Amino acid sequence: MVLSGGMDSVTMLYEYAAEIDLAVNFSYGSNHNARELECARLHCSRLGIELIEIDLSFIGRYFHSSLLEGADAIPEGSYDSDNMKSTVVPFRNGIMLSAAAGLAESHGLTTVMIANHAGDHAIYPDCRESFIKAMSKAISEGTYEGITIKAPYTLLSKTQIAERGKRLGIDYSETYSCYKGGEHHCGRCGTCIERRQAIADAGIVDTTVYLDDSDDI
């Protein structure tokens, strides 16, 4: 399973823990990689799932995205805003899924999991159902074992994912989402807004620390 350490992938890690033999975290130079990795390590240790950490730092060196250019480059506002397209890291999921497929085949595994969801579709082309299906077919054709992608959250909203996390008893303060990558969530970037709203809509008491503690989100 591709595990960032954010609330979506951590929810999937717990929901499918009995099926997951190996998790992989990719560091690609984003503002929030280090904070996410702390969470990935915590939850894999807690569940007894092996975590492999892979360096994709060439992405940070050669690709263009505000997600790679420091906290000040991250726009504020919801994912409905055109400026949020600046956070796209070109073909990030394609690169990660390709590496994960090679890792899976090397370990005798037949499935790669990823926690993309419906809220990503408007902004991120490599999170959409059509991409996941095409990538799964390509990976299957390119591996002896016919490895496929399993992406059960593709058509779920973030609120629906949070509701699953609530049933599983996940403490979302032990996950990290903020694109600015600071010690605490900023509360105003697109992913913070989406996170806060989903947790609230799921009826979860949010113990995440936000720099902006306004209720007007």
Protein backbone atom coordinates (compact mmCIF):
# COMPACT_ATOMS: atom_id res chain seq x y z
CA MET A 1 0.00 0.00 0.00
CA VAL A 2 1.12 3.53 -0.82
CA LEU A 3 0.99 5.30 2.55
CA SER A 4 1.50 9.03 2.87
CA GLY A 5 0.53 9.45 6.52
CA GLY A 6 -2.47 11.65 5.72
CA MET A 7 -5.97 10.88 6.93
CA ASP A 8 -7.10 9.02 3.79
CA SER A 9 -4.20 6.60 3.56
CA VAL A 10 -4.10 6.04 7.33
CA THR A 11 -7.81 5.20 7.28
CA MET A 12 -7.19 2.69 4.50
CA LEU A 13 -4.23 1.24 6.40
CA TYR A 14 -6.48 0.46 9.37
CA GLU A 15 -9.51 -0.65 7.36
CA TYR A 16 -7.50 -3.10 5.26
CA ALA A 17 -4.75 -3.95 7.74
CA ALA A 18 -5.48 -7.68 7.55
CA GLU A 19 -4.78 -7.61 3.79
CA ILE A 20 -1.71 -5.37 3.78
CA ASP A 21 1.68 -7.08 3.79
CA LEU A 22 3.79 -4.02 3.09
CA ALA A 23 3.44 -0.24 3.08
CA VAL A 24 5.59 2.22 1.17
CA ASN A 25 6.12 5.92 1.77
CA PHE A 26 7.64 8.13 -0.90
CA SER A 27 9.63 11.28 -0.10
CA TYR A 28 9.56 13.53 -3.14
CA GLY A 29 10.50 16.91 -1.73
CA SER A 30 7.07 18.24 -0.78
CA ASN A 31 6.66 20.71 2.06
CA HIS A 32 4.84 18.17 4.21
CA ASN A 33 6.76 14.95 3.46
CA ALA A 34 8.61 14.86 6.78
CA ARG A 35 5.50 15.42 8.89
CA GLU A 36 3.54 12.80 6.96
CA LEU A 37 6.37 10.28 7.29
CA GLU A 38 6.28 10.60 11.07
CA CYS A 39 2.63 9.58 10.99
CA ALA A 40 3.23 6.73 8.54
CA ARG A 41 5.92 5.32 10.81
CA LEU A 42 3.69 5.64 13.87
CA HIS A 43 0.76 3.75 12.41
CA CYS A 44 2.78 1.02 10.71
CA SER A 45 4.60 0.40 13.98
CA ARG A 46 1.30 0.27 15.85
CA LEU A 47 -0.20 -2.22 13.40
CA GLY A 48 2.94 -4.28 12.90
CA ILE A 49 3.06 -3.57 9.15
CA GLU A 50 6.46 -3.24 7.50
CA LEU A 51 7.13 0.21 6.06
CA ILE A 52 9.60 0.82 3.26
CA GLU A 53 10.71 4.42 2.66
CA ILE A 54 11.73 5.37 -0.87
CA ASP A 55 13.48 8.57 -1.91
CA LEU A 56 12.04 10.24 -5.01
CA SER A 57 13.83 13.52 -4.41
CA PHE A 58 14.42 14.02 -8.14
CA ILE A 59 10.78 15.17 -8.25
CA GLY A 60 11.54 18.02 -5.89
CA ARG A 61 14.59 19.00 -7.90
CA TYR A 62 13.18 18.91 -11.41
CA PHE A 63 9.38 19.17 -11.27
CA HIS A 64 7.37 22.36 -10.85
CA SER A 65 4.63 22.64 -8.22
CA SER A 66 3.87 25.00 -5.35
CA LEU A 67 3.84 21.87 -3.18
CA LEU A 68 7.60 21.66 -3.73
CA GLU A 69 8.46 25.33 -3.31
CA GLY A 70 8.01 26.13 0.36
CA ALA A 71 5.10 27.10 2.60
CA ASP A 72 4.75 30.61 1.18
CA ALA A 73 4.05 29.23 -2.29
CA ILE A 74 0.95 27.33 -1.16
CA PRO A 75 -2.28 29.16 -2.02
CA GLU A 76 -5.08 29.48 0.50
CA GLY A 77 -8.67 28.65 -0.32
CA SER A 78 -10.77 25.64 -1.25
CA TYR A 79 -10.15 23.10 -3.98
CA ASP A 80 -12.81 24.87 -6.04
CA SER A 81 -10.37 27.72 -6.62
CA ASP A 82 -8.32 27.72 -9.84
CA ASN A 83 -5.20 28.64 -7.90
CA MET A 84 -5.21 25.21 -6.22
CA LYS A 85 -4.04 23.71 -9.51
CA SER A 86 -0.59 25.04 -8.61
CA THR A 87 -0.36 22.22 -6.02
CA VAL A 88 -0.41 19.53 -8.71
CA VAL A 89 2.86 17.56 -8.83
CA PRO A 90 2.96 16.32 -12.43
CA PHE A 91 2.23 12.57 -12.72
CA ARG A 92 3.13 12.01 -9.04
CA ASN A 93 0.75 9.09 -8.55
CA GLY A 94 1.85 7.52 -11.82
CA ILE A 95 5.46 7.54 -10.67
CA MET A 96 4.60 6.25 -7.20
CA LEU A 97 2.32 3.50 -8.49
CA SER A 98 4.99 2.37 -10.97
CA ALA A 99 7.57 2.11 -8.19
CA ALA A 100 5.06 0.39 -5.91
CA ALA A 101 4.27 -2.14 -8.64
CA GLY A 102 7.94 -3.05 -8.97
CA LEU A 103 8.19 -3.31 -5.21
CA ALA A 104 5.11 -5.54 -5.08
CA GLU A 105 6.43 -7.91 -7.73
CA SER A 106 9.81 -8.05 -5.99
CA HIS A 107 8.06 -9.15 -2.79
CA GLY A 108 5.73 -11.68 -4.41
CA LEU A 109 2.62 -9.51 -3.96
CA THR A 110 -0.14 -9.10 -6.54
CA THR A 111 -1.95 -5.88 -5.59
CA VAL A 112 -1.01 -2.24 -5.05
CA MET A 113 -3.37 -0.10 -2.94
CA ILE A 114 -3.77 3.68 -3.06
CA ALA A 115 -6.13 6.00 -1.18
CA ASN A 116 -7.19 8.49 -3.85
CA HIS A 117 -10.75 9.76 -3.38
CA ALA A 118 -13.51 11.71 -5.11
CA GLY A 119 -12.50 15.06 -3.63
CA ASP A 120 -9.23 14.87 -5.56
CA HIS A 121 -10.82 14.46 -8.99
CA ALA A 122 -11.39 18.10 -9.93
CA ILE A 123 -7.78 19.14 -9.41
CA TYR A 124 -5.59 16.05 -9.71
CA PRO A 125 -5.84 14.08 -12.99
CA ASP A 126 -3.79 11.17 -11.61
CA CYS A 127 -6.40 10.58 -8.88
CA ARG A 128 -9.36 10.09 -11.22
CA GLU A 129 -11.06 6.75 -11.79
CA SER A 130 -10.14 6.70 -15.49
CA PHE A 131 -6.45 7.13 -14.66
CA ILE A 132 -6.49 4.44 -11.96
CA LYS A 133 -8.15 1.97 -14.35
CA ALA A 134 -5.68 2.76 -17.14
CA MET A 135 -2.69 2.56 -14.79
CA SER A 136 -3.91 -0.74 -13.37
CA LYS A 137 -4.15 -2.19 -16.87
CA ALA A 138 -0.66 -0.94 -17.77
CA ILE A 139 0.83 -2.40 -14.58
CA SER A 140 -0.96 -5.70 -15.16
CA GLU A 141 0.36 -5.88 -18.71
CA GLY A 142 3.86 -4.99 -17.57
CA THR A 143 4.27 -7.54 -14.76
CA TYR A 144 4.54 -11.32 -14.88
CA GLU A 145 2.07 -11.70 -12.02
CA GLY A 146 -0.47 -9.33 -13.54
CA ILE A 147 -0.32 -6.91 -10.61
CA THR A 148 -3.36 -4.65 -10.34
CA ILE A 149 -4.30 -1.50 -8.43
CA LYS A 150 -6.93 -1.60 -5.70
CA ALA A 151 -8.35 1.86 -4.99
CA PRO A 152 -11.56 1.37 -2.96
CA TYR A 153 -11.89 5.04 -1.98
CA THR A 154 -11.89 6.37 -5.56
CA LEU A 155 -15.58 7.31 -5.54
CA LEU A 156 -15.86 8.17 -1.84
CA SER A 157 -15.92 11.69 -0.46
CA LYS A 158 -13.49 12.68 2.27
CA THR A 159 -16.42 12.82 4.70
CA GLN A 160 -17.26 9.20 3.89
CA ILE A 161 -13.64 8.27 4.55
CA ALA A 162 -13.75 10.15 7.86
CA GLU A 163 -16.90 8.26 8.79
CA ARG A 164 -15.04 5.01 8.23
CA GLY A 165 -12.20 6.30 10.37
CA LYS A 166 -14.67 7.19 13.10
CA ARG A 167 -15.97 3.60 13.16
CA LEU A 168 -12.39 2.36 13.30
CA GLY A 169 -11.57 4.68 16.21
CA ILE A 170 -8.79 6.53 14.37
CA ASP A 171 -7.40 9.64 16.05
CA TYR A 172 -6.95 12.00 13.12
CA SER A 173 -4.69 14.28 15.13
CA GLU A 174 -2.14 11.50 14.52
CA THR A 175 -2.31 12.15 10.77
CA TYR A 176 -0.95 15.10 8.80
CA SER A 177 -2.43 16.92 5.83
CA CYS A 178 -1.31 20.55 5.63
CA TYR A 179 0.41 21.49 2.38
CA LYS A 180 2.49 24.16 4.13
CA GLY A 181 4.27 21.50 6.19
CA GLY A 182 4.56 23.42 9.46
CA GLU A 183 4.57 22.04 12.97
CA HIS A 184 0.80 22.59 13.10
CA HIS A 185 -1.83 22.59 10.36
CA CYS A 186 -2.35 26.08 8.94
CA GLY A 187 -6.12 25.64 8.71
CA ARG A 188 -6.43 27.70 5.51
CA CYS A 189 -4.88 25.80 2.61
CA GLY A 190 -7.14 23.63 0.44
CA THR A 191 -6.28 20.36 2.12
CA CYS A 192 -6.72 21.81 5.62
CA ILE A 193 -10.14 23.18 4.70
CA GLU A 194 -11.22 19.87 3.19
CA ARG A 195 -9.87 17.95 6.19
CA ARG A 196 -11.60 20.14 8.76
CA GLN A 197 -14.92 20.01 6.95
CA ALA A 198 -14.83 16.23 6.51
CA ILE A 199 -13.99 15.62 10.15
CA ALA A 200 -16.76 17.98 11.25
CA ASP A 201 -19.31 16.47 8.86
CA ALA A 202 -18.45 12.99 10.16
CA GLY A 203 -19.29 14.13 13.68
CA ILE A 204 -15.78 13.71 15.00
CA VAL A 205 -14.34 15.93 17.71
CA ASP A 206 -11.28 17.35 15.95
CA THR A 207 -8.28 17.53 18.26
CA THR A 208 -5.94 18.59 15.46
CA VAL A 209 -4.10 21.83 16.28
CA TYR A 210 -4.68 24.50 13.64
CA LEU A 211 -2.80 27.80 13.54
CA ASP A 212 -6.02 29.42 12.42
CA ASP A 213 -8.57 28.32 15.00
CA SER A 214 -11.47 30.18 13.39
CA ASP A 215 -14.68 28.20 12.95
CA ASP A 216 -15.34 29.97 9.67
CA ILE A 217 -14.04 27.40 7.19
